[in-house]
Amino acid sequence: MLILSLLILVLAAACVFAVRGVRADARAEAEPLNVPEAFFGPQSLEGVLCAQLLEGDITQRQYLRSMAGIAARDEERHPLVVPWRED
């Protein structure tokens, strides 16, 4: 009878420690990640302009004018070359 009581006591202690470990893991998963806000910020000039437009910092006309300027600059720097086929 003594052995059975000791066995039950050991099993109960093992269950308590197992539950503590599961609760600690659950608490660790529940904590939010600390990701810097700059990580989600715009990564390009177009993204910055889009964010400014959505926040109301610039008007739609300013956005369109800026995007046209970006497109013109891109055309100067990297002109589109279309290969010609001769039939």
N, C-alpha and C. Protein backbone atom coordinates (compact mmCIF):
# COMPACT_ATOMS: atom_id res chain seq x y z
N MET A 1 0.82 -1.19 0.00
CA MET A 1 0.00 0.00 0.00
C MET A 1 0.87 1.27 0.00
N LEU A 2 1.98 1.19 0.71
CA LEU A 2 2.90 2.32 0.77
C LEU A 2 3.49 2.61 -0.61
N ILE A 3 3.82 1.57 -1.33
CA ILE A 3 4.39 1.74 -2.67
C ILE A 3 3.36 2.38 -3.60
N LEU A 4 2.11 1.97 -3.51
CA LEU A 4 1.05 2.55 -4.34
C LEU A 4 0.86 4.03 -4.02
N SER A 5 0.90 4.39 -2.76
CA SER A 5 0.77 5.79 -2.35
C SER A 5 1.93 6.62 -2.88
N LEU A 6 3.14 6.08 -2.78
CA LEU A 6 4.31 6.80 -3.30
C LEU A 6 4.23 6.95 -4.82
N LEU A 7 3.75 5.92 -5.50
CA LEU A 7 3.61 5.98 -6.95
C LEU A 7 2.60 7.05 -7.35
N ILE A 8 1.49 7.13 -6.65
CA ILE A 8 0.47 8.16 -6.94
C ILE A 8 1.04 9.55 -6.67
N LEU A 9 1.80 9.68 -5.58
CA LEU A 9 2.40 10.97 -5.25
C LEU A 9 3.41 11.40 -6.32
N VAL A 10 4.22 10.47 -6.80
CA VAL A 10 5.20 10.78 -7.85
C VAL A 10 4.49 11.16 -9.15
N LEU A 11 3.44 10.44 -9.51
CA LEU A 11 2.68 10.76 -10.73
C LEU A 11 2.01 12.13 -10.62
N ALA A 12 1.47 12.44 -9.45
CA ALA A 12 0.83 13.75 -9.25
C ALA A 12 1.86 14.86 -9.39
N ALA A 13 3.05 14.67 -8.81
CA ALA A 13 4.10 15.68 -8.92
C ALA A 13 4.54 15.85 -10.37
N ALA A 14 4.64 14.75 -11.11
CA ALA A 14 5.02 14.83 -12.52
C ALA A 14 3.97 15.59 -13.32
N CYS A 15 2.70 15.37 -13.02
CA CYS A 15 1.62 16.09 -13.72
C CYS A 15 1.68 17.58 -13.42
N VAL A 16 1.95 17.93 -12.17
CA VAL A 16 2.04 19.35 -11.79
C VAL A 16 3.17 20.03 -12.56
N PHE A 17 4.33 19.39 -12.63
CA PHE A 17 5.46 19.99 -13.36
C PHE A 17 5.18 20.07 -14.86
N ALA A 18 4.49 19.08 -15.40
CA ALA A 18 4.15 19.10 -16.82
C ALA A 18 3.19 20.24 -17.14
N VAL A 19 2.19 20.44 -16.28
CA VAL A 19 1.22 21.53 -16.50
C VAL A 19 1.90 22.88 -16.38
N ARG A 20 2.83 23.02 -15.43
CA ARG A 20 3.56 24.29 -15.30
C ARG A 20 4.34 24.61 -16.58
N GLY A 21 4.97 23.59 -17.15
CA GLY A 21 5.73 23.80 -18.39
C GLY A 21 4.83 24.20 -19.54
N VAL A 22 3.66 23.59 -19.65
CA VAL A 22 2.72 23.94 -20.72
C VAL A 22 2.21 25.36 -20.54
N ARG A 23 1.92 25.74 -19.30
CA ARG A 23 1.44 27.11 -19.05
C ARG A 23 2.52 28.13 -19.36
N ALA A 24 3.77 27.83 -19.02
CA ALA A 24 4.86 28.75 -19.31
C ALA A 24 5.03 28.92 -20.82
N ASP A 25 4.92 27.82 -21.57
CA ASP A 25 5.01 27.90 -23.03
C ASP A 25 3.87 28.72 -23.60
N ALA A 26 2.67 28.54 -23.06
CA ALA A 26 1.51 29.30 -23.55
C ALA A 26 1.68 30.78 -23.27
N ARG A 27 2.23 31.13 -22.10
CA ARG A 27 2.46 32.54 -21.79
C ARG A 27 3.51 33.15 -22.72
N ALA A 28 4.53 32.38 -23.02
CA ALA A 28 5.59 32.88 -23.91
C ALA A 28 5.06 33.12 -25.31
N GLU A 29 4.14 32.26 -25.78
CA GLU A 29 3.56 32.44 -27.11
C GLU A 29 2.58 33.59 -27.14
N ALA A 30 1.94 33.90 -26.01
CA ALA A 30 0.93 34.94 -25.98
C ALA A 30 1.54 36.34 -25.99
N GLU A 31 2.82 36.47 -25.63
CA GLU A 31 3.45 37.78 -25.61
C GLU A 31 3.62 38.28 -27.05
N PRO A 32 3.27 39.54 -27.31
CA PRO A 32 3.40 40.07 -28.68
C PRO A 32 4.87 40.25 -29.06
N LEU A 33 5.12 40.13 -30.34
CA LEU A 33 6.47 40.35 -30.85
C LEU A 33 6.75 41.84 -30.87
N ASN A 34 7.94 42.22 -30.51
CA ASN A 34 8.34 43.62 -30.55
C ASN A 34 9.06 43.88 -31.86
N VAL A 35 8.27 44.20 -32.89
CA VAL A 35 8.82 44.49 -34.21
C VAL A 35 8.83 46.00 -34.38
N PRO A 36 9.96 46.58 -34.76
CA PRO A 36 10.01 48.03 -34.93
C PRO A 36 9.03 48.49 -36.01
N GLU A 37 8.42 49.63 -35.77
CA GLU A 37 7.44 50.15 -36.72
C GLU A 37 8.07 50.49 -38.06
N ALA A 38 9.35 50.83 -38.05
CA ALA A 38 10.04 51.15 -39.30
C ALA A 38 10.12 49.95 -40.22
N PHE A 39 10.01 48.76 -39.67
CA PHE A 39 10.05 47.54 -40.49
C PHE A 39 8.89 47.51 -41.47
N PHE A 40 7.75 48.08 -41.08
CA PHE A 40 6.57 48.07 -41.92
C PHE A 40 6.42 49.34 -42.74
N GLY A 41 7.37 50.24 -42.66
CA GLY A 41 7.31 51.48 -43.40
C GLY A 41 7.57 51.27 -44.88
N PRO A 42 7.28 52.29 -45.68
CA PRO A 42 7.51 52.17 -47.12
C PRO A 42 8.99 52.01 -47.43
N GLN A 43 9.28 51.20 -48.44
CA GLN A 43 10.65 50.90 -48.80
C GLN A 43 11.07 51.59 -50.10
N SER A 44 10.18 52.35 -50.73
CA SER A 44 10.51 53.00 -51.99
C SER A 44 9.89 54.40 -52.00
N LEU A 45 10.30 55.20 -52.97
CA LEU A 45 9.74 56.54 -53.11
C LEU A 45 8.25 56.47 -53.41
N GLU A 46 7.87 55.51 -54.24
CA GLU A 46 6.44 55.34 -54.55
C GLU A 46 5.66 54.99 -53.29
N GLY A 47 6.24 54.17 -52.44
CA GLY A 47 5.59 53.80 -51.18
C GLY A 47 5.45 54.98 -50.24
N VAL A 48 6.48 55.82 -50.20
CA VAL A 48 6.41 57.03 -49.36
C VAL A 48 5.31 57.95 -49.85
N LEU A 49 5.24 58.14 -51.17
CA LEU A 49 4.19 59.00 -51.73
C LEU A 49 2.81 58.44 -51.44
N CYS A 50 2.66 57.14 -51.57
CA CYS A 50 1.37 56.49 -51.31
C CYS A 50 0.98 56.68 -49.85
N ALA A 51 1.93 56.51 -48.94
CA ALA A 51 1.65 56.69 -47.51
C ALA A 51 1.25 58.14 -47.23
N GLN A 52 1.95 59.09 -47.85
CA GLN A 52 1.61 60.51 -47.65
C GLN A 52 0.22 60.81 -48.18
N LEU A 53 -0.14 60.22 -49.31
CA LEU A 53 -1.47 60.44 -49.88
C LEU A 53 -2.55 59.88 -48.95
N LEU A 54 -2.33 58.67 -48.45
CA LEU A 54 -3.32 58.05 -47.57
C LEU A 54 -3.46 58.77 -46.24
N GLU A 55 -2.36 59.37 -45.75
CA GLU A 55 -2.41 60.10 -44.49
C GLU A 55 -2.94 61.52 -44.67
N GLY A 56 -3.09 61.96 -45.91
CA GLY A 56 -3.60 63.30 -46.17
C GLY A 56 -2.53 64.37 -46.15
N ASP A 57 -1.25 63.96 -46.17
CA ASP A 57 -0.16 64.93 -46.16
C ASP A 57 -0.02 65.63 -47.50
N ILE A 58 -0.37 64.95 -48.60
CA ILE A 58 -0.32 65.54 -49.93
C ILE A 58 -1.67 65.32 -50.61
N THR A 59 -1.95 66.15 -51.61
CA THR A 59 -3.21 66.01 -52.35
C THR A 59 -3.03 65.00 -53.48
N GLN A 60 -4.15 64.65 -54.09
CA GLN A 60 -4.10 63.70 -55.21
C GLN A 60 -3.32 64.31 -56.37
N ARG A 61 -3.50 65.60 -56.59
CA ARG A 61 -2.78 66.27 -57.68
C ARG A 61 -1.27 66.23 -57.44
N GLN A 62 -0.84 66.49 -56.19
CA GLN A 62 0.58 66.42 -55.87
C GLN A 62 1.13 65.00 -56.06
N TYR A 63 0.33 64.03 -55.66
CA TYR A 63 0.73 62.62 -55.82
C TYR A 63 0.92 62.29 -57.30
N LEU A 64 -0.06 62.66 -58.13
CA LEU A 64 0.03 62.36 -59.56
C LEU A 64 1.21 63.08 -60.21
N ARG A 65 1.44 64.32 -59.83
CA ARG A 65 2.57 65.08 -60.39
C ARG A 65 3.90 64.42 -59.99
N SER A 66 4.00 64.00 -58.75
CA SER A 66 5.23 63.34 -58.29
C SER A 66 5.44 62.01 -59.00
N MET A 67 4.37 61.24 -59.17
CA MET A 67 4.50 59.96 -59.87
C MET A 67 4.88 60.16 -61.33
N ALA A 68 4.35 61.22 -61.95
CA ALA A 68 4.74 61.52 -63.33
C ALA A 68 6.22 61.87 -63.40
N GLY A 69 6.71 62.62 -62.43
CA GLY A 69 8.13 62.96 -62.38
C GLY A 69 9.01 61.72 -62.20
N ILE A 70 8.55 60.81 -61.35
CA ILE A 70 9.29 59.56 -61.14
C ILE A 70 9.33 58.75 -62.43
N ALA A 71 8.19 58.69 -63.14
CA ALA A 71 8.13 57.93 -64.39
C ALA A 71 9.04 58.55 -65.45
N ALA A 72 9.07 59.89 -65.53
CA ALA A 72 9.94 60.55 -66.50
C ALA A 72 11.41 60.30 -66.18
N ARG A 73 11.75 60.38 -64.90
CA ARG A 73 13.13 60.13 -64.49
C ARG A 73 13.53 58.68 -64.79
N ASP A 74 12.61 57.76 -64.54
CA ASP A 74 12.89 56.35 -64.81
C ASP A 74 13.06 56.11 -66.31
N GLU A 75 12.28 56.81 -67.12
CA GLU A 75 12.40 56.66 -68.58
C GLU A 75 13.76 57.18 -69.06
N GLU A 76 14.27 58.26 -68.45
CA GLU A 76 15.59 58.77 -68.82
C GLU A 76 16.70 57.81 -68.41
N ARG A 77 16.59 57.29 -67.21
CA ARG A 77 17.65 56.42 -66.68
C ARG A 77 17.62 55.02 -67.30
N HIS A 78 16.43 54.51 -67.53
CA HIS A 78 16.28 53.14 -68.04
C HIS A 78 15.26 53.13 -69.17
N PRO A 79 15.66 53.58 -70.36
CA PRO A 79 14.69 53.62 -71.46
C PRO A 79 14.26 52.21 -71.87
N LEU A 80 13.01 52.11 -72.26
CA LEU A 80 12.46 50.83 -72.70
C LEU A 80 12.89 50.60 -74.14
N VAL A 81 13.56 49.50 -74.37
CA VAL A 81 14.03 49.14 -75.70
C VAL A 81 13.22 47.95 -76.16
N VAL A 82 12.50 48.14 -77.27
CA VAL A 82 11.68 47.07 -77.82
C VAL A 82 12.41 46.48 -79.02
N PRO A 83 12.68 45.19 -79.00
CA PRO A 83 13.36 44.58 -80.15
C PRO A 83 12.42 44.52 -81.35
N TRP A 84 12.97 44.82 -82.52
CA TRP A 84 12.16 44.80 -83.74
C TRP A 84 12.35 43.47 -84.44
N ARG A 85 11.26 42.97 -84.93
CA ARG A 85 11.31 41.74 -85.74
C ARG A 85 11.17 42.12 -87.20
N GLU A 86 11.99 41.55 -88.02
CA GLU A 86 11.85 41.79 -89.45
C GLU A 86 11.22 40.57 -90.07
N ASP A 87 10.13 40.78 -90.78
CA ASP A 87 9.42 39.66 -91.41
C ASP A 87 9.90 39.42 -92.81
